[in-house]
Amino acid sequence: MAVVKELYDVTKALYDHMAEPMPKRIEERDTYVEKLEQYLAQRSELLEKMREQTSFSEKERQLGAEMFKMNEEIQRWMEASRGELRLVMQQLNKKKKSTRHYARPYSGTTVDGVFFDKKN
């Protein structure tokens, strides 16, 4: 019962954490993602421990059903967050590239001064 209850508590904490909107500021977003990864790691360890258990009481089954419902919502939020993070990363990479090009406009290769020697 202890492993199932602990897994339920971690899943509930993860569910509550995912219910909060993702912060807009980069520093706050980093701490949000780190905490998310921490919950997922704890949850993974507890799931491994729970696999060793073969029989469950009625109360454990009820907790499992609640965890299953929470897990479906967590999965949806994770997919939405992943899409949002991917978009933010693309925007950040585009911004870095344009900033780098603005700072060093002649650092790339150019085809203007290229001479091709054609020998037979």
Protein backbone atom coordinates (compact mmCIF):
# COMPACT_ATOMS: atom_id res chain seq x y z
CA MET A 1 0.00 0.00 0.00
CA ALA A 2 2.86 2.36 0.77
CA VAL A 3 4.23 2.27 -2.79
CA VAL A 4 0.81 2.82 -4.38
CA LYS A 5 0.00 5.68 -2.00
CA GLU A 6 3.39 7.28 -2.61
CA LEU A 7 2.91 6.91 -6.37
CA TYR A 8 -0.53 8.47 -6.05
CA ASP A 9 0.92 11.42 -4.11
CA VAL A 10 3.63 12.02 -6.72
CA THR A 11 1.12 11.68 -9.56
CA LYS A 12 -1.21 14.14 -7.82
CA ALA A 13 1.67 16.61 -7.33
CA LEU A 14 2.60 16.23 -11.01
CA TYR A 15 -1.04 16.73 -11.98
CA ASP A 16 -1.28 19.90 -9.89
CA HIS A 17 2.02 21.16 -11.30
CA MET A 18 0.90 20.54 -14.88
CA ALA A 19 -2.42 22.30 -14.18
CA GLU A 20 -0.48 25.54 -13.69
CA PRO A 21 0.17 27.39 -16.96
CA MET A 22 3.72 27.35 -18.25
CA PRO A 23 5.53 30.56 -17.27
CA LYS A 24 6.48 33.02 -20.00
CA ARG A 25 9.81 34.12 -18.55
CA ILE A 26 12.74 31.87 -19.45
CA GLU A 27 14.12 31.51 -15.90
CA GLU A 28 10.73 30.60 -14.46
CA ARG A 29 10.12 28.20 -17.36
CA ASP A 30 13.43 26.47 -16.64
CA THR A 31 12.49 25.88 -12.98
CA TYR A 32 9.03 24.72 -14.11
CA VAL A 33 10.56 22.15 -16.47
CA GLU A 34 13.15 21.03 -13.89
CA LYS A 35 10.41 20.41 -11.33
CA LEU A 36 8.43 18.54 -13.98
CA GLU A 37 11.42 16.32 -14.75
CA GLN A 38 11.91 15.70 -11.03
CA TYR A 39 8.30 14.53 -10.63
CA LEU A 40 8.60 12.30 -13.70
CA ALA A 41 11.81 10.71 -12.39
CA GLN A 42 10.24 10.02 -8.98
CA ARG A 43 7.18 8.59 -10.67
CA SER A 44 9.28 6.34 -12.88
CA GLU A 45 11.15 4.92 -9.88
CA LEU A 46 7.90 4.25 -8.04
CA LEU A 47 6.37 2.56 -11.08
CA GLU A 48 9.36 0.19 -11.20
CA LYS A 49 8.85 -0.64 -7.51
CA MET A 50 5.13 -1.16 -8.05
CA ARG A 51 5.71 -3.67 -10.86
CA GLU A 52 7.14 -6.06 -8.29
CA GLN A 53 3.83 -6.06 -6.42
CA THR A 54 1.36 -8.62 -7.76
CA SER A 55 -1.81 -8.20 -5.71
CA PHE A 56 -3.61 -4.99 -4.86
CA SER A 57 -6.29 -4.20 -2.30
CA GLU A 58 -9.57 -2.52 -3.20
CA LYS A 59 -8.32 0.85 -1.94
CA GLU A 60 -5.17 0.50 -4.07
CA ARG A 61 -7.33 -0.28 -7.11
CA GLN A 62 -9.37 2.88 -6.47
CA LEU A 63 -6.17 4.93 -6.24
CA GLY A 64 -5.00 3.27 -9.45
CA ALA A 65 -8.21 4.26 -11.25
CA GLU A 66 -7.79 7.87 -10.08
CA MET A 67 -4.13 7.83 -11.18
CA PHE A 68 -5.18 6.52 -14.58
CA LYS A 69 -7.59 9.45 -15.05
CA MET A 70 -4.93 11.93 -13.92
CA ASN A 71 -2.40 10.29 -16.24
CA GLU A 72 -4.65 10.87 -19.26
CA GLU A 73 -4.81 14.59 -18.45
CA ILE A 74 -1.07 14.71 -17.79
CA GLN A 75 -0.42 13.14 -21.20
CA ARG A 76 -2.59 15.76 -22.92
CA TRP A 77 -0.86 18.59 -21.09
CA MET A 78 2.55 17.14 -21.89
CA GLU A 79 1.74 17.03 -25.61
CA ALA A 80 0.50 20.63 -25.53
CA SER A 81 3.54 21.75 -23.54
CA ARG A 82 5.88 19.96 -25.90
CA GLY A 83 4.36 21.77 -28.87
CA GLU A 84 4.61 25.09 -27.07
CA LEU A 85 8.23 24.46 -26.07
CA ARG A 86 9.11 23.41 -29.62
CA LEU A 87 7.63 26.67 -30.93
CA VAL A 88 9.54 28.72 -28.36
CA MET A 89 12.78 26.89 -29.21
CA GLN A 90 12.30 27.57 -32.93
CA GLN A 91 11.69 31.24 -32.25
CA LEU A 92 14.75 31.39 -29.99
CA ASN A 93 16.97 29.71 -32.61
CA LYS A 94 15.69 32.07 -35.30
CA LYS A 95 16.39 35.04 -33.04
CA LYS A 96 19.92 33.78 -32.29
CA LYS A 97 20.63 33.27 -35.99
CA SER A 98 19.43 36.75 -36.96
CA THR A 99 21.37 38.32 -34.06
CA ARG A 100 24.52 36.45 -35.07
CA HIS A 101 24.10 37.51 -38.70
CA TYR A 102 23.53 41.13 -37.65
CA ALA A 103 26.64 41.13 -35.43
CA ARG A 104 28.86 39.53 -38.11
CA PRO A 105 27.33 40.09 -41.53
CA TYR A 106 30.44 38.96 -43.46
CA SER A 107 31.27 35.86 -41.44
CA GLY A 108 29.46 33.49 -43.81
CA THR A 109 30.83 32.26 -47.09
CA THR A 110 30.11 34.37 -50.12
CA VAL A 111 30.15 33.45 -53.77
CA ASP A 112 31.08 36.93 -55.02
CA GLY A 113 34.86 36.63 -54.98
CA VAL A 114 35.19 33.03 -56.02
CA PHE A 115 37.42 32.22 -58.97
CA PHE A 116 37.18 28.85 -60.63
CA ASP A 117 40.23 27.81 -62.62
CA LYS A 118 39.26 25.64 -65.51
CA LYS A 119 42.12 23.50 -66.70
CA ASN A 120 41.91 20.67 -69.16
